[in-house]
Structure formats: C-alpha cells, structure tokens
C-alpha cells in the first residue's frame, strides 16, 4: 500500500511533463495530414465530369510513401497520386476524376477513397459528396 502514493506521484509528473511539451511531435516517422478529408462538390449536373484534389502534407520527421490509393467506385472514380517519397514538410495532392453519368441517378451521393501509406496513421479514408442535378 505504501508504494501506491509514489507511483501516483510519478504518473502525475509524467502527465504534467507531457502537457508542457504538447507542441512537440509525439510520434517519429512519416505522418500524413490532409487539408480536408471531406469535400462537398455541391450541386453538379449528372453529365458533368468532376476534377478535384485532396492536398496533404508530411508533418512527420521522415519520408512519407503512399502505398496505395483505392476509390470505392473503380468504374466511376480515377485517382492519380505521387509515387515518390514525400520529404518531411513536403506537400502533394491526390488528383481525382469522377464521372457518375452512367451509373447514378439524381440526388445526393457520397463516395470514399482509401489511402494506405507508411504514416503513423497507416490508413486514411477520404470522402467526397455531390448532389446530382
């Protein structure tokens, strides 16, 4: 029972120290950070092809590599992504071309793109929404 109080004091000091250093990076390695993970394309004509991008930055301290970028709708969504290593502090984009004219009807729809990387957060889902006119 006498050891519980010193252990609690150590835990409290550790928590206080980590709070004081909250601006420092806690994880080492690559770390992907997207400007937006959800894009709302708004009202668009069903026959209009959409072109847009998801911008991201490597906020980690080592090179970031995108291992795969997979849309949930392969027939209507095409993606282009960098194959080179993105250095710490470097920014890039995932370019998306979406054509829903042959598969969808009027109204709201949402789609996902699954990003796999060597980031501390290895998997990231991106979403885009549209309301077809």
Protein backbone atom coordinates (compact mmCIF):
# COMPACT_ATOMS: atom_id res chain seq x y z
CA UNK A 1 0.00 0.00 0.00
CA UNK A 2 2.93 2.33 0.70
CA UNK A 3 4.08 2.09 -2.94
CA UNK A 4 0.81 3.41 -4.45
CA UNK A 5 1.37 7.03 -3.45
CA UNK A 6 4.86 7.28 -5.05
CA UNK A 7 3.56 5.61 -8.23
CA UNK A 8 0.69 8.10 -8.44
CA UNK A 9 3.16 10.98 -8.00
CA UNK A 10 5.33 9.66 -10.85
CA UNK A 11 2.27 9.28 -13.09
CA UNK A 12 1.14 12.83 -12.30
CA UNK A 13 4.60 14.27 -13.00
CA UNK A 14 4.75 12.38 -16.31
CA UNK A 15 1.35 13.69 -17.35
CA UNK A 16 2.36 17.24 -16.42
CA UNK A 17 5.60 16.98 -18.38
CA UNK A 18 3.82 15.68 -21.47
CA UNK A 19 1.29 18.52 -21.27
CA UNK A 20 4.10 21.08 -21.13
CA UNK A 21 5.61 19.63 -24.29
CA UNK A 22 2.31 19.34 -26.18
CA UNK A 23 3.62 21.27 -29.19
CA UNK A 24 6.41 18.76 -29.80
CA UNK A 25 5.88 15.81 -32.09
CA UNK A 26 4.99 12.71 -30.11
CA UNK A 27 5.42 10.20 -32.93
CA UNK A 28 8.51 9.72 -35.04
CA UNK A 29 8.37 8.74 -38.68
CA UNK A 30 6.13 9.85 -41.51
CA UNK A 31 2.81 11.46 -40.61
CA UNK A 32 0.23 12.37 -43.27
CA UNK A 33 -2.07 15.34 -42.64
CA UNK A 34 -4.81 16.27 -45.13
CA UNK A 35 -6.11 19.81 -45.54
CA UNK A 36 -9.60 18.31 -45.90
CA UNK A 37 -10.75 14.71 -45.61
CA UNK A 38 -14.28 15.55 -46.76
CA UNK A 39 -15.06 17.55 -49.89
CA UNK A 40 -18.58 18.68 -50.75
CA UNK A 41 -18.80 19.23 -54.50
CA UNK A 42 -22.28 20.68 -54.13
CA UNK A 43 -24.91 20.61 -56.85
CA UNK A 44 -23.49 19.36 -60.15
CA UNK A 45 -25.07 18.23 -63.42
CA UNK A 46 -25.14 14.45 -63.65
CA UNK A 47 -23.42 14.56 -67.05
CA UNK A 48 -20.50 16.75 -65.89
CA UNK A 49 -17.14 15.12 -65.10
CA UNK A 50 -15.65 16.40 -61.84
CA UNK A 51 -11.93 17.10 -61.29
CA UNK A 52 -10.64 17.88 -57.79
CA UNK A 53 -7.78 17.13 -55.39
CA UNK A 54 -7.09 16.21 -51.80
CA UNK A 55 -3.99 18.12 -50.62
CA UNK A 56 -1.79 16.69 -47.88
CA UNK A 57 1.47 17.41 -46.05
CA UNK A 58 4.02 15.14 -44.42
CA UNK A 59 4.17 16.62 -40.91
CA UNK A 60 6.39 13.79 -39.67
CA UNK A 61 10.15 13.61 -39.43
CA UNK A 62 10.88 11.02 -42.13
CA UNK A 63 9.83 10.33 -45.74
CA UNK A 64 6.17 9.59 -46.50
CA UNK A 65 5.23 6.98 -49.13
CA UNK A 66 1.72 6.39 -50.42
CA UNK A 67 1.46 2.62 -50.75
CA UNK A 68 -1.97 2.62 -52.37
CA UNK A 69 -4.93 4.87 -53.11
CA UNK A 70 -8.13 2.99 -53.88
CA UNK A 71 -11.55 4.52 -54.66
CA UNK A 72 -14.62 2.58 -53.58
CA UNK A 73 -16.06 3.03 -57.09
CA UNK A 74 -13.37 1.90 -59.54
CA UNK A 75 -15.53 2.35 -62.61
CA UNK A 76 -16.52 5.97 -61.90
CA UNK A 77 -13.55 7.32 -59.91
CA UNK A 78 -9.95 7.54 -61.13
CA UNK A 79 -7.10 8.69 -58.88
CA UNK A 80 -3.55 9.85 -59.52
CA UNK A 81 -1.15 10.05 -56.59
CA UNK A 82 2.57 10.67 -56.14
CA UNK A 83 4.79 7.61 -56.25
CA UNK A 84 7.90 9.41 -54.98
CA UNK A 85 8.78 9.76 -51.31
CA UNK A 86 7.42 12.99 -49.84
CA UNK A 87 10.06 14.51 -47.53
CA UNK A 88 9.24 15.93 -44.08
CA UNK A 89 7.39 19.21 -44.59
CA UNK A 90 6.61 18.35 -48.22
CA UNK A 91 3.10 18.71 -49.67
CA UNK A 92 1.42 16.85 -52.51
CA UNK A 93 -2.04 16.11 -53.89
CA UNK A 94 -4.19 13.14 -54.77
CA UNK A 95 -5.93 14.08 -58.04
CA UNK A 96 -9.42 12.70 -58.58
CA UNK A 97 -11.54 12.43 -61.73
CA UNK A 98 -15.14 11.43 -61.13
CA UNK A 99 -17.69 10.51 -63.81
CA UNK A 100 -21.04 9.36 -62.47
CA UNK A 101 -23.01 9.89 -65.66
CA UNK A 102 -23.50 6.21 -66.50
CA UNK A 103 -24.09 4.79 -63.03
CA UNK A 104 -26.01 7.20 -60.85
CA UNK A 105 -29.33 8.97 -60.64
CA UNK A 106 -30.21 12.47 -59.50
CA UNK A 107 -29.88 13.27 -55.82
CA UNK A 108 -27.23 13.18 -53.09
CA UNK A 109 -24.37 10.66 -53.17
CA UNK A 110 -21.17 10.10 -51.21
CA UNK A 111 -18.00 8.26 -52.21
CA UNK A 112 -14.81 7.18 -50.47
CA UNK A 113 -11.15 6.92 -51.35
CA UNK A 114 -8.97 4.70 -49.15
CA UNK A 115 -5.37 5.85 -48.67
CA UNK A 116 -2.70 3.44 -47.43
CA UNK A 117 0.71 4.88 -46.50
CA UNK A 118 3.69 4.38 -44.24
CA UNK A 119 2.31 7.13 -41.98
CA UNK A 120 1.84 6.62 -38.26
CA UNK A 121 -1.85 6.52 -39.27
CA UNK A 122 -1.41 3.87 -41.97
CA UNK A 123 -4.98 4.06 -43.32
CA UNK A 124 -6.99 7.20 -44.00
CA UNK A 125 -10.41 7.46 -45.66
CA UNK A 126 -11.26 10.47 -47.78
CA UNK A 127 -14.84 11.31 -48.69
CA UNK A 128 -16.44 13.39 -51.40
CA UNK A 129 -20.11 14.25 -51.70
CA UNK A 130 -22.24 15.54 -54.52
CA UNK A 131 -25.86 16.25 -55.26
CA UNK A 132 -26.55 15.38 -58.89
CA UNK A 133 -28.99 17.65 -60.71
